[in-house]
Amino acid sequence: MQTFHESRVEPADIDNLGHMNVRVYARKAAQATHALVASLGLDANALLQDGSIVQAYDNHVRFYKEQMEGAPLKVIAGVISAAPEAITVYLELLNAETGDRAATFNNVIRLEDATTRAPKPFADEIIQQALTHIVDWPDYGRPRSLPLEPVRTDITLQMMADKQVMVRLEPYTLDADDCDSHGFMNLQDGTSLAFAKLPIKIKQQRGSARGWGDDNMAIATMESRQVLLATPKLGDTIVTRSAHLAVGDKTVHSVHWSFNEATGAPVSMISQIGLGFDLTERRARSFPPQMRAVFEESIYPELA
């Protein structure tokens, strides 16, 4: 695999857990994905002339080692599969100084008409170029707890009701700054619909104030999958509802469904495996009994 993106962890990338936020990981993977696609012959000028965009619509991530402010990073990438309807890009985010693996990604991308967002086939010459980047899919980069099976599309805003847990995600309405010249939400930088309007550093209540009984406990994301079901448009209001699906000794499985408020139809799903995280020792630990009890009060396995 070759390097497609290099950067450094900036102060603005650090969240309230004291390390680079998961959304920044996604941004760096998106930038590397677009650089790889450009190397295949689909750079910005080629896409503009063709009236197309490249959209990642199914993204799986496994997180391995937290990255702190100032860390030098690089993203290496290759291709797992390539067909007219979709190309799957495999990426690894590495600490360029230590060689530590920070995260792995599988980004499934497709070509879309820029004015309608209808899918378009990749040209044969693009497929052939992609096949020159084929890499083996390592076991450590494959899903562990979140399978890549098709996502349910029957979940509605009404079904989710008020099953809001963890951070309360307020509705937001898309304005011109959120959209491209064709009036579609700009998601090219790995933006997640659920967290699009949330700052990287969130002002949260401490653990005891949230009923967890332990100010030193947090939840760090270990694995996630985001699936885009429909691209929102200018003026759409996005509503996100969240729920816990299961809780274990050290892990909790959560899901965030985002909807078009006017229609109630789902536009994206984010599934996450969170790990109990000791903020002082910077390691995994079991959930305290009080914290676990809070989670168990809001488990909705039927929403899986």
Protein backbone atom coordinates (compact mmCIF):
# COMPACT_ATOMS: atom_id res chain seq x y z
CA MET A 1 0.00 0.00 0.00
CA GLN A 2 1.14 3.54 -0.63
CA THR A 3 0.71 6.73 1.38
CA PHE A 4 -2.18 8.97 0.30
CA HIS A 5 -2.38 11.45 3.19
CA GLU A 6 -0.04 12.94 5.81
CA SER A 7 -0.91 15.25 8.67
CA ARG A 8 -0.39 16.01 12.34
CA VAL A 9 -2.85 15.96 15.24
CA GLU A 10 -3.86 19.58 15.86
CA PRO A 11 -5.26 21.07 19.08
CA ALA A 12 -8.69 21.40 17.43
CA ASP A 13 -8.70 17.63 16.80
CA ILE A 14 -8.66 16.77 20.53
CA ASP A 15 -11.96 15.90 22.20
CA ASN A 16 -13.08 15.82 25.83
CA LEU A 17 -11.39 12.42 26.35
CA GLY A 18 -8.02 14.07 25.67
CA HIS A 19 -7.24 12.34 22.35
CA MET A 20 -7.98 12.77 18.64
CA ASN A 21 -11.71 12.50 18.04
CA VAL A 22 -13.15 9.65 15.97
CA ARG A 23 -14.62 12.15 13.48
CA VAL A 24 -11.11 13.42 12.74
CA TYR A 25 -10.06 9.84 11.98
CA ALA A 26 -12.93 9.67 9.48
CA ARG A 27 -11.90 12.98 7.92
CA LYS A 28 -8.35 11.81 7.34
CA ALA A 29 -9.56 8.53 5.83
CA ALA A 30 -11.92 10.45 3.53
CA GLN A 31 -9.10 12.70 2.34
CA ALA A 32 -6.90 9.68 1.61
CA THR A 33 -9.78 7.96 -0.20
CA HIS A 34 -10.26 10.92 -2.51
CA ALA A 35 -6.51 11.09 -3.15
CA LEU A 36 -6.50 7.41 -4.14
CA VAL A 37 -9.53 7.94 -6.40
CA ALA A 38 -7.79 10.92 -8.03
CA SER A 39 -4.82 8.66 -8.79
CA LEU A 40 -7.21 6.40 -10.71
CA GLY A 41 -8.16 9.24 -13.03
CA LEU A 42 -11.05 10.80 -11.11
CA ASP A 43 -9.54 14.00 -9.79
CA ALA A 44 -11.63 17.12 -9.11
CA ASN A 45 -11.40 18.39 -12.71
CA ALA A 46 -12.37 15.04 -14.21
CA LEU A 47 -15.35 14.74 -11.89
CA LEU A 48 -16.46 18.29 -12.65
CA GLN A 49 -16.32 17.68 -16.41
CA ASP A 50 -18.26 14.44 -15.99
CA GLY A 51 -20.87 16.02 -13.70
CA SER A 52 -20.14 13.40 -11.05
CA ILE A 53 -19.07 13.01 -7.45
CA VAL A 54 -17.50 10.12 -5.57
CA GLN A 55 -19.46 9.30 -2.43
CA ALA A 56 -18.51 6.95 0.40
CA TYR A 57 -21.74 5.35 1.57
CA ASP A 58 -20.66 2.45 3.79
CA ASN A 59 -17.77 3.03 6.18
CA HIS A 60 -16.40 0.57 8.72
CA VAL A 61 -13.68 1.53 11.22
CA ARG A 62 -11.71 -0.31 13.88
CA PHE A 63 -9.79 1.86 16.34
CA TYR A 64 -6.55 0.57 17.82
CA LYS A 65 -4.44 3.20 19.54
CA GLU A 66 -5.38 6.67 20.64
CA GLN A 67 -3.43 9.58 19.14
CA MET A 68 -2.46 12.69 21.06
CA GLU A 69 -1.85 16.31 20.08
CA GLY A 70 1.21 16.74 17.88
CA ALA A 71 1.41 13.14 16.69
CA PRO A 72 2.51 12.81 13.02
CA LEU A 73 0.10 10.67 11.03
CA LYS A 74 -0.09 9.06 7.64
CA VAL A 75 -2.79 7.09 5.82
CA ILE A 76 -1.83 4.20 3.56
CA ALA A 77 -4.43 2.66 1.28
CA GLY A 78 -5.23 0.03 -1.31
CA VAL A 79 -8.28 -1.56 -2.92
CA ILE A 80 -10.13 -4.65 -1.68
CA SER A 81 -12.53 -4.93 -4.62
CA ALA A 82 -13.55 -2.96 -7.70
CA ALA A 83 -16.69 -3.23 -9.83
CA PRO A 84 -18.77 -0.75 -11.86
CA GLU A 85 -21.24 -0.27 -9.02
CA ALA A 86 -18.74 0.18 -6.16
CA ILE A 87 -15.08 0.22 -5.15
CA THR A 88 -14.04 -0.82 -1.64
CA VAL A 89 -10.99 1.05 -0.37
CA TYR A 90 -8.97 -0.32 2.53
CA LEU A 91 -6.98 2.18 4.62
CA GLU A 92 -4.74 2.20 7.66
CA LEU A 93 -4.07 5.27 9.77
CA LEU A 94 -0.57 5.03 11.27
CA ASN A 95 1.52 7.07 13.64
CA ALA A 96 4.34 8.03 11.27
CA GLU A 97 6.87 8.27 14.09
CA THR A 98 6.20 5.07 16.05
CA GLY A 99 4.56 2.96 13.32
CA ASP A 100 1.64 2.22 15.67
CA ARG A 101 -1.61 1.37 13.92
CA ALA A 102 -4.23 3.92 15.01
CA ALA A 103 -7.18 2.62 12.97
CA THR A 104 -8.26 0.62 9.94
CA PHE A 105 -11.03 1.57 7.51
CA ASN A 106 -13.15 0.00 4.78
CA ASN A 107 -14.73 2.75 2.69
CA VAL A 108 -17.20 1.58 0.05
CA ILE A 109 -17.52 4.29 -2.60
CA ARG A 110 -19.68 4.80 -5.65
CA LEU A 111 -19.95 7.28 -8.49
CA GLU A 112 -23.03 9.52 -8.43
CA ASP A 113 -24.58 12.16 -10.68
CA ALA A 114 -23.77 15.47 -9.02
CA THR A 115 -27.15 17.02 -9.81
CA THR A 116 -29.43 14.11 -8.82
CA ARG A 117 -27.21 11.83 -6.68
CA ALA A 118 -28.34 8.87 -8.77
CA PRO A 119 -25.68 6.11 -8.89
CA LYS A 120 -23.50 5.87 -12.01
CA PRO A 121 -21.16 3.04 -13.05
CA PHE A 122 -17.42 3.50 -12.81
CA ALA A 123 -15.87 3.39 -16.29
CA ASP A 124 -13.94 0.26 -17.21
CA GLU A 125 -10.62 2.12 -17.31
CA ILE A 126 -11.19 3.30 -13.72
CA ILE A 127 -11.92 -0.27 -12.63
CA GLN A 128 -8.77 -1.52 -14.33
CA GLN A 129 -6.68 1.16 -12.60
CA ALA A 130 -8.27 0.28 -9.26
CA LEU A 131 -7.37 -3.37 -9.72
CA THR A 132 -3.69 -2.41 -9.86
CA HIS A 133 -4.04 -1.32 -6.21
CA ILE A 134 -5.54 -4.60 -4.95
CA VAL A 135 -4.36 -5.59 -1.45
CA ASP A 136 -5.05 -8.49 0.87
CA TRP A 137 -7.69 -7.71 3.49
CA PRO A 138 -5.94 -8.46 6.81
CA ASP A 139 -7.84 -10.09 9.65
CA TYR A 140 -7.12 -7.14 11.95
CA GLY A 141 -8.89 -4.83 9.49
CA ARG A 142 -12.03 -6.94 9.17
CA PRO A 143 -15.17 -6.40 11.25
CA ARG A 144 -15.03 -7.83 14.77
CA SER A 145 -18.43 -7.02 16.29
CA LEU A 146 -20.27 -5.11 13.54
CA PRO A 147 -21.05 -7.28 10.49
CA LEU A 148 -21.21 -5.72 7.05
CA GLU A 149 -24.62 -7.19 6.22
CA PRO A 150 -27.32 -4.98 4.64
CA VAL A 151 -28.74 -2.34 6.97
CA ARG A 152 -32.40 -2.28 7.93
CA THR A 153 -34.39 0.43 6.16
CA ASP A 154 -37.65 -0.08 8.06
CA ILE A 155 -36.57 1.93 11.12
CA THR A 156 -38.66 5.12 11.26
CA LEU A 157 -38.55 8.25 13.38
CA GLN A 158 -41.80 7.17 15.05
CA MET A 159 -40.31 3.79 16.01
CA MET A 160 -37.38 5.47 17.74
CA ALA A 161 -39.66 7.83 19.69
CA ASP A 162 -37.62 9.29 22.56
CA LYS A 163 -35.02 6.52 22.86
CA GLN A 164 -32.25 9.07 23.24
CA VAL A 165 -29.17 8.06 25.22
CA MET A 166 -25.64 9.32 25.82
CA VAL A 167 -25.16 12.77 24.24
CA ARG A 168 -28.42 14.42 23.26
CA LEU A 169 -28.20 15.24 19.56
CA GLU A 170 -30.29 18.26 18.70
CA PRO A 171 -32.11 18.53 15.33
CA TYR A 172 -30.55 20.81 12.73
CA THR A 173 -31.66 22.31 9.42
CA LEU A 174 -29.32 22.40 6.45
CA ASP A 175 -28.40 25.85 5.17
CA ALA A 176 -26.38 26.92 2.14
CA ASP A 177 -23.06 26.58 3.98
CA ASP A 178 -23.80 22.90 4.59
CA CYS A 179 -24.52 22.14 0.94
CA ASP A 180 -22.79 22.01 -2.43
CA SER A 181 -23.72 24.04 -5.48
CA HIS A 182 -26.46 21.54 -6.35
CA GLY A 183 -28.18 21.85 -2.97
CA PHE A 184 -27.06 18.51 -1.50
CA MET A 185 -25.37 18.21 1.88
CA ASN A 186 -21.61 18.13 1.43
CA LEU A 187 -20.42 14.83 2.91
CA GLN A 188 -17.13 14.58 1.05
CA ASP A 189 -15.00 15.08 4.16
CA GLY A 190 -16.28 12.05 6.05
CA THR A 191 -19.01 14.04 7.78
CA SER A 192 -21.45 12.00 9.86
CA LEU A 193 -25.09 13.07 9.75
CA ALA A 194 -25.66 12.31 13.43
CA PHE A 195 -22.75 14.42 14.72
CA ALA A 196 -22.43 17.00 11.94
CA LYS A 197 -23.37 19.98 14.13
CA LEU A 198 -21.67 18.80 17.31
CA PRO A 199 -18.33 20.37 18.29
CA ILE A 200 -15.31 18.09 18.59
CA LYS A 201 -14.91 19.01 22.26
CA ILE A 202 -18.31 18.49 23.89
CA LYS A 203 -19.15 20.00 27.25
CA GLN A 204 -20.49 16.95 29.08
CA GLN A 205 -21.57 16.22 32.61
CA ARG A 206 -19.04 14.19 34.56
CA GLY A 207 -19.73 10.55 35.28
CA SER A 208 -21.29 10.96 38.72
CA ALA A 209 -23.53 13.78 37.47
CA ARG A 210 -24.82 11.44 34.74
CA GLY A 211 -25.69 8.77 37.28
CA TRP A 212 -22.63 6.65 36.48
CA GLY A 213 -21.12 7.07 39.94
CA ASP A 214 -17.54 7.45 38.63
CA ASP A 215 -16.03 10.70 37.36
CA ASN A 216 -13.00 8.89 35.97
CA MET A 217 -14.96 6.71 33.52
CA ALA A 218 -15.66 7.48 29.89
CA ILE A 219 -16.62 5.53 26.77
CA ALA A 220 -14.13 5.26 23.88
CA THR A 221 -15.28 4.04 20.48
CA MET A 222 -13.55 0.80 19.44
CA GLU A 223 -15.46 -0.04 16.26
CA SER A 224 -18.05 1.76 14.16
CA ARG A 225 -19.99 1.46 10.93
CA GLN A 226 -21.76 4.32 9.17
CA VAL A 227 -24.16 3.75 6.28
CA LEU A 228 -25.57 6.60 4.19
CA LEU A 229 -29.10 5.80 2.99
CA ALA A 230 -29.97 9.13 1.33
CA THR A 231 -28.17 12.45 0.91
CA PRO A 232 -30.12 15.29 2.58
CA LYS A 233 -30.88 18.52 0.72
CA LEU A 234 -30.90 22.22 1.46
CA GLY A 235 -33.69 23.01 3.93
CA ASP A 236 -34.03 19.47 5.25
CA THR A 237 -34.16 19.09 9.02
CA ILE A 238 -32.17 16.15 10.38
CA VAL A 239 -33.31 14.43 13.57
CA THR A 240 -31.18 11.77 15.26
CA ARG A 241 -32.40 9.23 17.79
CA SER A 242 -30.01 6.94 19.67
CA ALA A 243 -30.37 3.72 21.61
CA HIS A 244 -28.31 1.07 23.37
CA LEU A 245 -28.65 -2.39 21.86
CA ALA A 246 -26.57 -4.42 24.32
CA VAL A 247 -24.17 -4.00 27.23
CA GLY A 248 -21.35 -6.26 28.41
CA ASP A 249 -18.71 -6.14 31.12
CA LYS A 250 -16.61 -3.47 29.37
CA THR A 251 -18.52 -2.77 26.15
CA VAL A 252 -21.77 -1.16 25.08
CA HIS A 253 -23.33 -1.39 21.61
CA SER A 254 -25.14 1.77 20.53
CA VAL A 255 -26.89 2.87 17.36
CA HIS A 256 -27.69 6.33 16.03
CA TRP A 257 -30.41 6.62 13.38
CA SER A 258 -30.77 9.96 11.57
CA PHE A 259 -34.03 10.86 9.84
CA ASN A 260 -35.58 13.45 7.55
CA GLU A 261 -37.93 15.12 10.00
CA ALA A 262 -40.56 15.93 7.34
CA THR A 263 -40.89 12.36 6.04
CA GLY A 264 -39.70 10.32 9.02
CA ALA A 265 -37.56 8.27 6.61
CA PRO A 266 -34.04 7.20 7.66
CA VAL A 267 -31.10 8.92 5.98
CA SER A 268 -28.19 7.30 7.84
CA MET A 269 -27.25 4.79 10.53
CA ILE A 270 -24.19 4.72 12.77
CA SER A 271 -23.53 1.59 14.84
CA GLN A 272 -20.82 1.79 17.50
CA ILE A 273 -19.06 -0.45 20.00
CA GLY A 274 -17.97 1.63 22.98
CA LEU A 275 -15.37 0.53 25.53
CA GLY A 276 -15.25 1.46 29.20
CA PHE A 277 -12.21 3.73 29.44
CA ASP A 278 -10.27 4.88 32.51
CA LEU A 279 -9.30 8.50 31.88
CA THR A 280 -6.35 8.43 34.31
CA GLU A 281 -4.78 5.09 33.42
CA ARG A 282 -5.76 5.41 29.72
CA ARG A 283 -6.87 1.79 29.51
CA ALA A 284 -9.99 -0.34 29.30
CA ARG A 285 -11.83 -1.24 32.49
CA SER A 286 -15.12 -2.84 33.48
CA PHE A 287 -18.16 -0.61 33.88
CA PRO A 288 -18.85 0.26 37.52
CA PRO A 289 -22.10 -1.35 38.75
CA GLN A 290 -23.97 1.96 38.83
CA MET A 291 -22.93 2.83 35.29
CA ARG A 292 -23.89 -0.61 34.01
CA ALA A 293 -27.29 -0.30 35.72
CA VAL A 294 -27.93 3.00 33.91
CA PHE A 295 -27.20 1.32 30.56
CA GLU A 296 -29.38 -1.69 31.34
CA GLU A 297 -32.36 0.59 31.87
CA SER A 298 -32.28 1.59 28.19
CA ILE A 299 -31.52 -1.53 26.15
CA TYR A 300 -33.58 -1.95 22.95
CA PRO A 301 -32.36 -5.08 21.13
CA GLU A 302 -35.37 -4.94 18.80
CA LEU A 303 -33.78 -1.91 17.09
CA ALA A 304 -30.71 -3.84 15.98
